[in-house]
Amino acid sequence: MSHTAATLDQTVPFPGAEAPSRQYDIDANGIRIAIHEWGDADAPPMLAVHGGFDFARTYDLFAPRLAAGGWRVVSWDQRGHGDSEHAELYSWDADMRDALAVFDHVGRGGPLPVVGHSKGGALMTQLADAQPFRFTGLVNMDGIPYKRNIPDIAEHERSKMMAKDIASWLDHRRRTSDLQRKPGTIDELAQRRGRMNPRLEVEWLRRLVTTGGFESEDGWRWKIDSSMRFGGFGPWRPEWTLMRLPGLPMPFLGILGSEMEEMGWGTPPKKVLPYMPLQGRCEVLEGVGHFVHVEQPQLVADLVLDFFGGLK
């Protein structure tokens, strides 16, 4: 499924935000994935991975600051998000395969510096644990889940849980197969998102509508597939990300906000520090929420640039 992108005249301006310099598609295992790039095409690449129910253009404020530091910032809309194609099913593993397609396209087999926010940070932490040779370093921006404890249950009970989860997801997919997201004005969609992102400025939320939504005859809708829901499909638990941190062999930087909010993981920074890898450190930003790179784009960009600058 594809939608008509908002024109430049429709995009709500926001101080410091810039549209990507280049946009194109790649094929990832039969799914069309939309790529967005900021910065000089000949500059060294850095990957930026967005969070769940977000899209690459949520980096319009952050990526230009990284590009100004001499990087070609490459982000992509995950399947079912933004300008990428909708799929029949969504899963953590499918997102991982799509990410590998982007790594192969951008890195040509060589390691890359990677930044990930929220789900994108958790996704990249798992990939860094499985295939560390793809990373020169990893920055995880508030993507270190901690909330749920791993259940101490017998193996046969785990298989029952998985069957129940799969049935639940398939029932949801059946119910939502023909649904469309509710239309509204730019202000109405911004207001809806603001309920989950109460710390973000209204004008920024309005811009998100015009970069992550599309306009039709009855109003604006978010581009995200209406069949998607938090949690996705297949076995995955948030706390598994935390368990992977100690074994990461590459330089690692965690950036956490101290303020808890609905779309965040509810991760107390003090719970993360004991899990830092040998080449890792964690920066806690006081008075900042889950979207650290939107609330404090220059501060976070400076941390990232300093971190990767030391690895060149």
C-alpha atoms as a PDB file:
ATOM      1  CA  MET A   1       0.000   0.000   0.000  1.00  0.00           C
ATOM      2  CA  SER A   2       1.277   3.478  -0.801  1.00  0.00           C
ATOM      3  CA  HIS A   3       0.095   6.981  -0.015  1.00  0.00           C
ATOM      4  CA  THR A   4       0.673  10.347  -1.584  1.00  0.00           C
ATOM      5  CA  ALA A   5       3.360  12.161   0.388  1.00  0.00           C
ATOM      6  CA  ALA A   6       2.652  15.610   1.747  1.00  0.00           C
ATOM      7  CA  THR A   7       3.949  18.386  -0.479  1.00  0.00           C
ATOM      8  CA  LEU A   8       6.519  20.845   0.806  1.00  0.00           C
ATOM      9  CA  ASP A   9       3.736  23.424   1.063  1.00  0.00           C
ATOM     10  CA  GLN A  10       1.781  21.092   3.380  1.00  0.00           C
ATOM     11  CA  THR A  11       4.680  20.273   5.707  1.00  0.00           C
ATOM     12  CA  VAL A  12       4.315  22.252   8.917  1.00  0.00           C
ATOM     13  CA  PRO A  13       7.584  24.109   9.603  1.00  0.00           C
ATOM     14  CA  PHE A  14       9.456  23.745  12.889  1.00  0.00           C
ATOM     15  CA  PRO A  15      12.652  25.587  13.897  1.00  0.00           C
ATOM     16  CA  GLY A  16      15.732  23.498  13.065  1.00  0.00           C
ATOM     17  CA  ALA A  17      13.812  20.691  11.331  1.00  0.00           C
ATOM     18  CA  GLU A  18      14.854  19.720   7.801  1.00  0.00           C
ATOM     19  CA  ALA A  19      13.456  17.301   5.247  1.00  0.00           C
ATOM     20  CA  PRO A  20      15.818  14.548   4.049  1.00  0.00           C
ATOM     21  CA  SER A  21      18.270  15.371   1.263  1.00  0.00           C
ATOM     22  CA  ARG A  22      17.416  12.140  -0.558  1.00  0.00           C
ATOM     23  CA  GLN A  23      14.589   9.604  -0.512  1.00  0.00           C
ATOM     24  CA  TYR A  24      14.409   6.251  -2.332  1.00  0.00           C
ATOM     25  CA  ASP A  25      13.214   2.663  -1.913  1.00  0.00           C
ATOM     26  CA  ILE A  26      14.966  -0.685  -1.603  1.00  0.00           C
ATOM     27  CA  ASP A  27      13.611  -4.225  -1.697  1.00  0.00           C
ATOM     28  CA  ALA A  28      13.858  -6.144   1.591  1.00  0.00           C
ATOM     29  CA  ASN A  29      12.804  -9.742   1.113  1.00  0.00           C
ATOM     30  CA  GLY A  30       9.914  -8.721  -1.122  1.00  0.00           C
ATOM     31  CA  ILE A  31       8.828  -5.708   0.961  1.00  0.00           C
ATOM     32  CA  ARG A  32       9.425  -2.164  -0.303  1.00  0.00           C
ATOM     33  CA  ILE A  33      11.325  -0.196   2.331  1.00  0.00           C
ATOM     34  CA  ALA A  34      11.554   3.626   2.131  1.00  0.00           C
ATOM     35  CA  ILE A  35      14.986   5.122   2.838  1.00  0.00           C
ATOM     36  CA  HIS A  36      15.592   8.728   3.945  1.00  0.00           C
ATOM     37  CA  GLU A  37      19.031  10.376   4.002  1.00  0.00           C
ATOM     38  CA  TRP A  38      20.364  13.640   5.424  1.00  0.00           C
ATOM     39  CA  GLY A  39      23.790  15.111   4.666  1.00  0.00           C
ATOM     40  CA  ASP A  40      26.394  14.859   1.921  1.00  0.00           C
ATOM     41  CA  ALA A  41      25.970  11.744  -0.216  1.00  0.00           C
ATOM     42  CA  ASP A  42      29.757  11.154  -0.054  1.00  0.00           C
ATOM     43  CA  ALA A  43      30.033  11.492   3.739  1.00  0.00           C
ATOM     44  CA  PRO A  44      30.548   8.376   5.888  1.00  0.00           C
ATOM     45  CA  PRO A  45      27.193   6.724   6.671  1.00  0.00           C
ATOM     46  CA  MET A  46      25.504   6.471  10.058  1.00  0.00           C
ATOM     47  CA  LEU A  47      22.274   4.498  10.500  1.00  0.00           C
ATOM     48  CA  ALA A  48      19.395   5.925  12.566  1.00  0.00           C
ATOM     49  CA  VAL A  49      16.598   3.525  13.534  1.00  0.00           C
ATOM     50  CA  HIS A  50      13.207   4.890  14.616  1.00  0.00           C
ATOM     51  CA  GLY A  51      10.909   3.599  17.343  1.00  0.00           C
ATOM     52  CA  GLY A  52       7.623   1.742  17.218  1.00  0.00           C
ATOM     53  CA  PHE A  53       4.677   3.629  15.698  1.00  0.00           C
ATOM     54  CA  ASP A  54       7.179   6.264  14.533  1.00  0.00           C
ATOM     55  CA  PHE A  55       8.857   6.747  11.153  1.00  0.00           C
ATOM     56  CA  ALA A  56      12.154   8.045   9.740  1.00  0.00           C
ATOM     57  CA  ARG A  57      10.892  11.630   9.446  1.00  0.00           C
ATOM     58  CA  THR A  58      10.700  11.827  13.251  1.00  0.00           C
ATOM     59  CA  TYR A  59      14.459  12.443  12.832  1.00  0.00           C
ATOM     60  CA  ASP A  60      13.873  15.715  10.906  1.00  0.00           C
ATOM     61  CA  LEU A  61      15.104  17.662  13.942  1.00  0.00           C
ATOM     62  CA  PHE A  62      17.912  15.336  15.048  1.00  0.00           C
ATOM     63  CA  ALA A  63      19.425  13.979  11.823  1.00  0.00           C
ATOM     64  CA  PRO A  64      20.399  17.403  10.353  1.00  0.00           C
ATOM     65  CA  ARG A  65      22.538  18.024  13.445  1.00  0.00           C
ATOM     66  CA  LEU A  66      24.360  14.740  12.925  1.00  0.00           C
ATOM     67  CA  ALA A  67      24.745  15.566   9.222  1.00  0.00           C
ATOM     68  CA  ALA A  68      26.253  18.927  10.174  1.00  0.00           C
ATOM     69  CA  GLY A  69      28.891  16.930  12.055  1.00  0.00           C
ATOM     70  CA  GLY A  70      30.046  15.338   8.804  1.00  0.00           C
ATOM     71  CA  TRP A  71      27.856  12.235   8.550  1.00  0.00           C
ATOM     72  CA  ARG A  72      25.466  10.876   5.944  1.00  0.00           C
ATOM     73  CA  VAL A  73      22.544   9.928   8.160  1.00  0.00           C
ATOM     74  CA  VAL A  74      20.489   7.046   6.772  1.00  0.00           C
ATOM     75  CA  SER A  75      17.135   6.067   8.259  1.00  0.00           C
ATOM     76  CA  TRP A  76      14.308   3.911   6.987  1.00  0.00           C
ATOM     77  CA  ASP A  77      10.601   3.486   7.628  1.00  0.00           C
ATOM     78  CA  GLN A  78      10.048   0.067   9.135  1.00  0.00           C
ATOM     79  CA  ARG A  79       7.496  -2.109   7.357  1.00  0.00           C
ATOM     80  CA  GLY A  80       3.984  -0.808   7.885  1.00  0.00           C
ATOM     81  CA  HIS A  81       5.315   2.596   9.006  1.00  0.00           C
ATOM     82  CA  GLY A  82       5.734   5.849   7.078  1.00  0.00           C
ATOM     83  CA  ASP A  83       6.289   5.415   3.345  1.00  0.00           C
ATOM     84  CA  SER A  84       7.270   1.738   3.490  1.00  0.00           C
ATOM     85  CA  GLU A  85       5.004  -1.005   2.228  1.00  0.00           C
ATOM     86  CA  HIS A  86       2.379  -2.628   4.418  1.00  0.00           C
ATOM     87  CA  ALA A  87       2.798  -6.362   5.003  1.00  0.00           C
ATOM     88  CA  GLU A  88       0.533  -9.310   5.780  1.00  0.00           C
ATOM     89  CA  LEU A  89       2.261  -9.935   9.105  1.00  0.00           C
ATOM     90  CA  TYR A  90       4.575  -7.964  11.385  1.00  0.00           C
ATOM     91  CA  SER A  91       7.146  -9.382  13.754  1.00  0.00           C
ATOM     92  CA  TRP A  92      10.363  -8.542  15.542  1.00  0.00           C
ATOM     93  CA  ASP A  93      12.239 -10.987  13.306  1.00  0.00           C
ATOM     94  CA  ALA A  94      10.784  -9.443  10.136  1.00  0.00           C
ATOM     95  CA  ASP A  95      11.984  -6.007  11.269  1.00  0.00           C
ATOM     96  CA  MET A  96      15.398  -7.567  11.892  1.00  0.00           C
ATOM     97  CA  ARG A  97      15.548  -8.985   8.359  1.00  0.00           C
ATOM     98  CA  ASP A  98      14.539  -5.617   6.902  1.00  0.00           C
ATOM     99  CA  ALA A  99      17.287  -3.950   8.939  1.00  0.00           C
ATOM    100  CA  LEU A 100      19.850  -6.380   7.541  1.00  0.00           C
ATOM    101  CA  ALA A 101      18.792  -5.425   4.017  1.00  0.00           C
ATOM    102  CA  VAL A 102      19.481  -1.764   4.859  1.00  0.00           C
ATOM    103  CA  PHE A 103      22.850  -2.641   6.448  1.00  0.00           C
ATOM    104  CA  ASP A 104      23.839  -4.541   3.304  1.00  0.00           C
ATOM    105  CA  HIS A 105      22.698  -1.705   1.034  1.00  0.00           C
ATOM    106  CA  VAL A 106      24.451   1.067   2.972  1.00  0.00           C
ATOM    107  CA  GLY A 107      27.478  -0.671   4.461  1.00  0.00           C
ATOM    108  CA  ARG A 108      28.415  -2.910   1.529  1.00  0.00           C
ATOM    109  CA  GLY A 109      29.542  -5.529   4.036  1.00  0.00           C
ATOM    110  CA  GLY A 110      31.474  -3.180   6.316  1.00  0.00           C
ATOM    111  CA  PRO A 111      30.625  -2.167   9.901  1.00  0.00           C
ATOM    112  CA  LEU A 112      28.565   0.961  10.554  1.00  0.00           C
ATOM    113  CA  PRO A 113      27.886   3.384  13.405  1.00  0.00           C
ATOM    114  CA  VAL A 114      24.270   2.973  14.513  1.00  0.00           C
ATOM    115  CA  VAL A 115      21.819   5.056  16.557  1.00  0.00           C
ATOM    116  CA  GLY A 116      18.461   3.635  17.621  1.00  0.00           C
ATOM    117  CA  HIS A 117      15.550   5.128  19.557  1.00  0.00           C
ATOM    118  CA  SER A 118      13.097   3.149  21.682  1.00  0.00           C
ATOM    119  CA  LYS A 119      12.084   0.014  19.740  1.00  0.00           C
ATOM    120  CA  GLY A 120      14.837   0.862  17.246  1.00  0.00           C
ATOM    121  CA  GLY A 121      17.399   0.866  20.062  1.00  0.00           C
ATOM    122  CA  ALA A 122      16.149  -2.476  21.385  1.00  0.00           C
ATOM    123  CA  LEU A 123      16.113  -3.937  17.870  1.00  0.00           C
ATOM    124  CA  MET A 124      19.697  -2.842  17.221  1.00  0.00           C
ATOM    125  CA  THR A 125      20.863  -4.118  20.609  1.00  0.00           C
ATOM    126  CA  GLN A 126      19.659  -7.588  19.667  1.00  0.00           C
ATOM    127  CA  LEU A 127      21.286  -7.374  16.237  1.00  0.00           C
ATOM    128  CA  ALA A 128      24.543  -6.115  17.769  1.00  0.00           C
ATOM    129  CA  ASP A 129      24.548  -9.121  20.087  1.00  0.00           C
ATOM    130  CA  ALA A 130      23.899 -11.542  17.205  1.00  0.00           C
ATOM    131  CA  GLN A 131      26.121  -9.935  14.523  1.00  0.00           C
ATOM    132  CA  PRO A 132      28.609  -7.579  16.213  1.00  0.00           C
ATOM    133  CA  PHE A 133      30.778  -7.385  13.088  1.00  0.00           C
ATOM    134  CA  ARG A 134      28.184  -5.063  11.540  1.00  0.00           C
ATOM    135  CA  PHE A 135      28.719  -2.313  14.163  1.00  0.00           C
ATOM    136  CA  THR A 136      31.547   0.114  14.816  1.00  0.00           C
ATOM    137  CA  GLY A 137      29.524   1.323  17.798  1.00  0.00           C
ATOM    138  CA  LEU A 138      25.931   1.575  19.030  1.00  0.00           C
ATOM    139  CA  VAL A 139      23.976   4.420  20.625  1.00  0.00           C
ATOM    140  CA  ASN A 140      20.734   3.340  22.294  1.00  0.00           C
ATOM    141  CA  MET A 141      18.381   6.262  23.004  1.00  0.00           C
ATOM    142  CA  ASP A 142      15.874   5.239  25.665  1.00  0.00           C
ATOM    143  CA  GLY A 143      15.476   1.802  24.113  1.00  0.00           C
ATOM    144  CA  ILE A 144      16.459  -0.382  27.069  1.00  0.00           C
ATOM    145  CA  PRO A 145      13.277  -2.053  28.381  1.00  0.00           C
ATOM    146  CA  TYR A 146      13.120  -3.213  31.976  1.00  0.00           C
ATOM    147  CA  LYS A 147       9.468  -3.320  33.065  1.00  0.00           C
ATOM    148  CA  ARG A 148       8.407  -6.958  32.947  1.00  0.00           C
ATOM    149  CA  ASN A 149      10.121  -9.796  34.710  1.00  0.00           C
ATOM    150  CA  ILE A 150      10.880 -12.958  32.775  1.00  0.00           C
ATOM    151  CA  PRO A 151       8.333 -15.560  33.959  1.00  0.00           C
ATOM    152  CA  ASP A 152       9.799 -18.529  35.812  1.00  0.00           C
ATOM    153  CA  ILE A 153       7.645 -21.268  34.269  1.00  0.00           C
ATOM    154  CA  ALA A 154       8.130 -24.721  32.803  1.00  0.00           C
ATOM    155  CA  GLU A 155       9.083 -25.103  29.151  1.00  0.00           C
ATOM    156  CA  HIS A 156       5.785 -26.767  28.189  1.00  0.00           C
ATOM    157  CA  GLU A 157       3.910 -23.817  29.694  1.00  0.00           C
ATOM    158  CA  ARG A 158       5.959 -21.442  27.559  1.00  0.00           C
ATOM    159  CA  SER A 159       4.788 -23.284  24.433  1.00  0.00           C
ATOM    160  CA  LYS A 160       1.175 -22.841  25.568  1.00  0.00           C
ATOM    161  CA  MET A 161       1.783 -19.124  26.080  1.00  0.00           C
ATOM    162  CA  MET A 162       3.195 -18.853  22.572  1.00  0.00           C
ATOM    163  CA  ALA A 163       0.178 -20.622  21.049  1.00  0.00           C
ATOM    164  CA  LYS A 164      -2.154 -18.279  22.926  1.00  0.00           C
ATOM    165  CA  ASP A 165      -0.198 -15.219  21.770  1.00  0.00           C
ATOM    166  CA  ILE A 166      -0.222 -16.374  18.146  1.00  0.00           C
ATOM    167  CA  ALA A 167      -3.973 -17.045  18.220  1.00  0.00           C
ATOM    168  CA  SER A 168      -4.582 -13.631  19.761  1.00  0.00           C
ATOM    169  CA  TRP A 169      -2.523 -11.895  17.109  1.00  0.00           C
ATOM    170  CA  LEU A 170      -4.212 -13.717  14.235  1.00  0.00           C
ATOM    171  CA  ASP A 171      -7.638 -12.875  15.649  1.00  0.00           C
ATOM    172  CA  HIS A 172      -6.595  -9.224  15.804  1.00  0.00           C
ATOM    173  CA  ARG A 173      -5.286  -9.359  12.213  1.00  0.00           C
ATOM    174  CA  ARG A 174      -8.601 -10.796  11.031  1.00  0.00           C
ATOM    175  CA  ARG A 175     -10.613  -8.080  12.785  1.00  0.00           C
ATOM    176  CA  THR A 176      -8.475  -5.220  11.443  1.00  0.00           C
ATOM    177  CA  SER A 177      -7.804  -6.412   7.889  1.00  0.00           C
ATOM    178  CA  ASP A 178     -10.191  -3.904   6.306  1.00  0.00           C
ATOM    179  CA  LEU A 179      -9.962  -1.083   8.828  1.00  0.00           C
ATOM    180  CA  GLN A 180      -8.665   2.415   8.143  1.00  0.00           C
ATOM    181  CA  ARG A 181      -7.244   4.797  10.681  1.00  0.00           C
ATOM    182  CA  LYS A 182      -9.638   7.497  11.852  1.00  0.00           C
ATOM    183  CA  PRO A 183      -9.371  10.695   9.766  1.00  0.00           C
ATOM    184  CA  GLY A 184      -9.107  14.198  11.163  1.00  0.00           C
ATOM    185  CA  THR A 185      -7.586  17.599  10.697  1.00  0.00           C
ATOM    186  CA  ILE A 186      -3.889  18.224  11.259  1.00  0.00           C
ATOM    187  CA  ASP A 187      -4.718  19.658  14.684  1.00  0.00           C
ATOM    188  CA  GLU A 188      -6.942  16.693  15.616  1.00  0.00           C
ATOM    189  CA  LEU A 189      -4.257  14.125  14.752  1.00  0.00           C
ATOM    190  CA  ALA A 190      -1.655  16.198  16.577  1.00  0.00           C
ATOM    191  CA  GLN A 191      -3.917  16.299  19.624  1.00  0.00           C
ATOM    192  CA  ARG A 192      -4.346  12.513  19.576  1.00  0.00           C
ATOM    193  CA  ARG A 193      -0.619  11.979  19.425  1.00  0.00           C
ATOM    194  CA  GLY A 194      -0.136  14.577  22.127  1.00  0.00           C
ATOM    195  CA  ARG A 195      -1.982  12.360  24.598  1.00  0.00           C
ATOM    196  CA  MET A 196       0.908   9.875  24.311  1.00  0.00           C
ATOM    197  CA  ASN A 197       3.601  12.552  23.860  1.00  0.00           C
ATOM    198  CA  PRO A 198       2.533  15.249  26.332  1.00  0.00           C
ATOM    199  CA  ARG A 199       6.054  16.676  26.646  1.00  0.00           C
ATOM    200  CA  LEU A 200       6.426  17.491  22.930  1.00  0.00           C
ATOM    201  CA  GLU A 201       5.494  20.864  21.470  1.00  0.00           C
ATOM    202  CA  VAL A 202       2.212  21.121  19.578  1.00  0.00           C
ATOM    203  CA  GLU A 203       3.914  22.558  16.482  1.00  0.00           C
ATOM    204  CA  TRP A 204       6.268  19.561  16.392  1.00  0.00           C
ATOM    205  CA  LEU A 205       3.302  17.194  16.631  1.00  0.00           C
ATOM    206  CA  ARG A 206       1.575  19.107  13.822  1.00  0.00           C
ATOM    207  CA  ARG A 207       4.697  18.673  11.684  1.00  0.00           C
ATOM    208  CA  LEU A 208       4.668  14.932  12.403  1.00  0.00           C
ATOM    209  CA  VAL A 209       1.152  14.719  10.986  1.00  0.00           C
ATOM    210  CA  THR A 210       2.325  16.232   7.691  1.00  0.00           C
ATOM    211  CA  THR A 211       5.432  14.021   7.462  1.00  0.00           C
ATOM    212  CA  GLY A 212       3.931  10.773   8.803  1.00  0.00           C
ATOM    213  CA  GLY A 213       0.395  11.164   7.524  1.00  0.00           C
ATOM    214  CA  PHE A 214      -1.433  11.608   4.240  1.00  0.00           C
ATOM    215  CA  GLU A 215      -4.400  13.731   3.210  1.00  0.00           C
ATOM    216  CA  SER A 216      -7.474  12.269   1.558  1.00  0.00           C
ATOM    217  CA  GLU A 217     -10.944  13.629   0.808  1.00  0.00           C
ATOM    218  CA  ASP A 218     -12.198  13.130   4.369  1.00  0.00           C
ATOM    219  CA  GLY A 219      -9.087  14.391   6.186  1.00  0.00           C
ATOM    220  CA  TRP A 220      -5.621  13.354   7.332  1.00  0.00           C
ATOM    221  CA  ARG A 221      -4.684   9.847   8.457  1.00  0.00           C
ATOM    222  CA  TRP A 222      -1.473   8.375   9.837  1.00  0.00           C
ATOM    223  CA  LYS A 223       0.293   6.195   7.266  1.00  0.00           C
ATOM    224  CA  ILE A 224       0.942   3.420   9.771  1.00  0.00           C
ATOM    225  CA  ASP A 225      -0.862   0.166   8.989  1.00  0.00           C
ATOM    226  CA  SER A 226      -4.138   0.018  10.941  1.00  0.00           C
ATOM    227  CA  SER A 227      -3.585  -3.695  11.649  1.00  0.00           C
ATOM    228  CA  MET A 228      -0.464  -2.988  13.706  1.00  0.00           C
ATOM    229  CA  ARG A 229      -0.580  -2.965  17.483  1.00  0.00           C
ATOM    230  CA  PHE A 230       1.986  -2.661  20.259  1.00  0.00           C
ATOM    231  CA  GLY A 231       3.776  -5.939  20.795  1.00  0.00           C
ATOM    232  CA  GLY A 232       3.734  -7.201  17.211  1.00  0.00           C
ATOM    233  CA  PHE A 233       3.667 -10.887  16.356  1.00  0.00           C
ATOM    234  CA  GLY A 234       5.906 -13.659  17.616  1.00  0.00           C
ATOM    235  CA  PRO A 235       7.860 -14.369  20.811  1.00  0.00           C
ATOM    236  CA  TRP A 236       9.705 -11.369  22.240  1.00  0.00           C
ATOM    237  CA  ARG A 237       9.945  -9.895  25.704  1.00  0.00           C
ATOM    238  CA  PRO A 238      11.211  -6.362  26.400  1.00  0.00           C
ATOM    239  CA  GLU A 239      13.566  -7.414  29.176  1.00  0.00           C
ATOM    240  CA  TRP A 240      15.532  -9.631  26.799  1.00  0.00           C
ATOM    241  CA  THR A 241      17.207  -6.456  25.545  1.00  0.00           C
ATOM    242  CA  LEU A 242      18.632  -5.706  28.984  1.00  0.00           C
ATOM    243  CA  MET A 243      19.982  -9.240  29.234  1.00  0.00           C
ATOM    244  CA  ARG A 244      21.962  -8.758  26.011  1.00  0.00           C
ATOM    245  CA  LEU A 245      23.767  -5.579  27.051  1.00  0.00           C
ATOM    246  CA  PRO A 246      26.634  -7.094  29.087  1.00  0.00           C
ATOM    247  CA  GLY A 247      27.847  -9.217  26.169  1.00  0.00           C
ATOM    248  CA  LEU A 248      28.107  -6.437  23.565  1.00  0.00           C
ATOM    249  CA  PRO A 249      31.729  -6.271  22.366  1.00  0.00           C
ATOM    250  CA  MET A 250      31.535  -2.910  20.571  1.00  0.00           C
ATOM    251  CA  PRO A 251      31.589   0.596  22.135  1.00  0.00           C
ATOM    252  CA  PHE A 252      28.128   1.353  23.508  1.00  0.00           C
ATOM    253  CA  LEU A 253      26.409   4.546  24.652  1.00  0.00           C
ATOM    254  CA  GLY A 254      23.046   4.516  26.370  1.00  0.00           C
ATOM    255  CA  ILE A 255      21.099   7.778  26.612  1.00  0.00           C
ATOM    256  CA  LEU A 256      18.139   7.761  28.989  1.00  0.00           C
ATOM    257  CA  GLY A 257      15.624  10.414  30.018  1.00  0.00           C
ATOM    258  CA  SER A 258      14.786  10.659  33.693  1.00  0.00           C
ATOM    259  CA  GLU A 259      11.096  11.511  33.128  1.00  0.00           C
ATOM    260  CA  MET A 260       8.732   8.562  32.746  1.00  0.00           C
ATOM    261  CA  GLU A 261       5.919   8.820  30.160  1.00  0.00           C
ATOM    262  CA  GLU A 262       3.387   6.618  28.386  1.00  0.00           C
ATOM    263  CA  MET A 263       5.354   5.739  25.258  1.00  0.00           C
ATOM    264  CA  GLY A 264       8.553   5.093  27.208  1.00  0.00           C
ATOM    265  CA  TRP A 265       9.725   1.785  28.650  1.00  0.00           C
ATOM    266  CA  GLY A 266       9.493   2.903  32.280  1.00  0.00           C
ATOM    267  CA  THR A 267      13.159   2.036  32.763  1.00  0.00           C
ATOM    268  CA  PRO A 268      14.752   3.428  35.943  1.00  0.00           C
ATOM    269  CA  PRO A 269      18.312   4.443  34.960  1.00  0.00           C
ATOM    270  CA  LYS A 270      19.755   2.931  38.147  1.00  0.00           C
ATOM    271  CA  LYS A 271      18.480  -0.474  36.980  1.00  0.00           C
ATOM    272  CA  VAL A 272      20.420  -0.229  33.697  1.00  0.00           C
ATOM    273  CA  LEU A 273      23.853   0.754  35.002  1.00  0.00           C
ATOM    274  CA  PRO A 274      24.815  -2.712  36.366  1.00  0.00           C
ATOM    275  CA  TYR A 275      24.251  -4.184  32.881  1.00  0.00           C
ATOM    276  CA  MET A 276      26.602  -1.873  30.983  1.00  0.00           C
ATOM    277  CA  PRO A 277      29.038  -3.724  28.686  1.00  0.00           C
ATOM    278  CA  LEU A 278      32.793  -3.370  29.229  1.00  0.00           C
ATOM    279  CA  GLN A 279      33.025  -0.697  26.518  1.00  0.00           C
ATOM    280  CA  GLY A 280      29.789   0.982  27.548  1.00  0.00           C
ATOM    281  CA  ARG A 281      28.562   4.008  29.397  1.00  0.00           C
ATOM    282  CA  CYS A 282      25.162   5.529  30.121  1.00  0.00           C
ATOM    283  CA  GLU A 283      24.160   9.202  30.118  1.00  0.00           C
ATOM    284  CA  VAL A 284      21.017  10.132  32.055  1.00  0.00           C
ATOM    285  CA  LEU A 285      19.385  13.412  30.983  1.00  0.00           C
ATOM    286  CA  GLU A 286      17.546  15.044  33.851  1.00  0.00           C
ATOM    287  CA  GLY A 287      14.160  16.589  33.118  1.00  0.00           C
ATOM    288  CA  VAL A 288      13.940  14.873  29.712  1.00  0.00           C
ATOM    289  CA  GLY A 289      11.361  12.280  28.629  1.00  0.00           C
ATOM    290  CA  HIS A 290      11.337   9.320  26.269  1.00  0.00           C
ATOM    291  CA  PHE A 291      11.952  11.347  23.092  1.00  0.00           C
ATOM    292  CA  VAL A 292      15.382  12.555  24.161  1.00  0.00           C
ATOM    293  CA  HIS A 293      16.413  13.468  20.588  1.00  0.00           C
ATOM    294  CA  VAL A 294      13.331  15.676  20.113  1.00  0.00           C
ATOM    295  CA  GLU A 295      13.343  17.427  23.491  1.00  0.00           C
ATOM    296  CA  GLN A 296      17.102  18.037  23.433  1.00  0.00           C
ATOM    297  CA  PRO A 297      18.226  17.502  19.826  1.00  0.00           C
ATOM    298  CA  GLN A 298      21.487  19.458  20.006  1.00  0.00           C
ATOM    299  CA  LEU A 299      22.573  18.019  23.347  1.00  0.00           C
ATOM    300  CA  VAL A 300      21.898  14.451  22.211  1.00  0.00           C
ATOM    301  CA  ALA A 301      23.499  15.078  18.795  1.00  0.00           C
ATOM    302  CA  ASP A 302      26.620  16.411  20.527  1.00  0.00           C
ATOM    303  CA  LEU A 303      26.792  13.259  22.676  1.00  0.00           C
ATOM    304  CA  VAL A 304      26.456  11.054  19.594  1.00  0.00           C
ATOM    305  CA  LEU A 305      28.974  13.043  17.545  1.00  0.00           C
ATOM    306  CA  ASP A 306      31.499  12.969  20.369  1.00  0.00           C
ATOM    307  CA  PHE A 307      30.974   9.234  20.859  1.00  0.00           C
ATOM    308  CA  PHE A 308      31.410   8.293  17.202  1.00  0.00           C
ATOM    309  CA  GLY A 309      34.088  10.914  16.627  1.00  0.00           C
ATOM    310  CA  GLY A 310      36.261   9.063  19.075  1.00  0.00           C
ATOM    311  CA  LEU A 311      35.839   5.856  17.063  1.00  0.00           C
ATOM    312  CA  LYS A 312      37.000   7.253  13.703  1.00  0.00           C
END
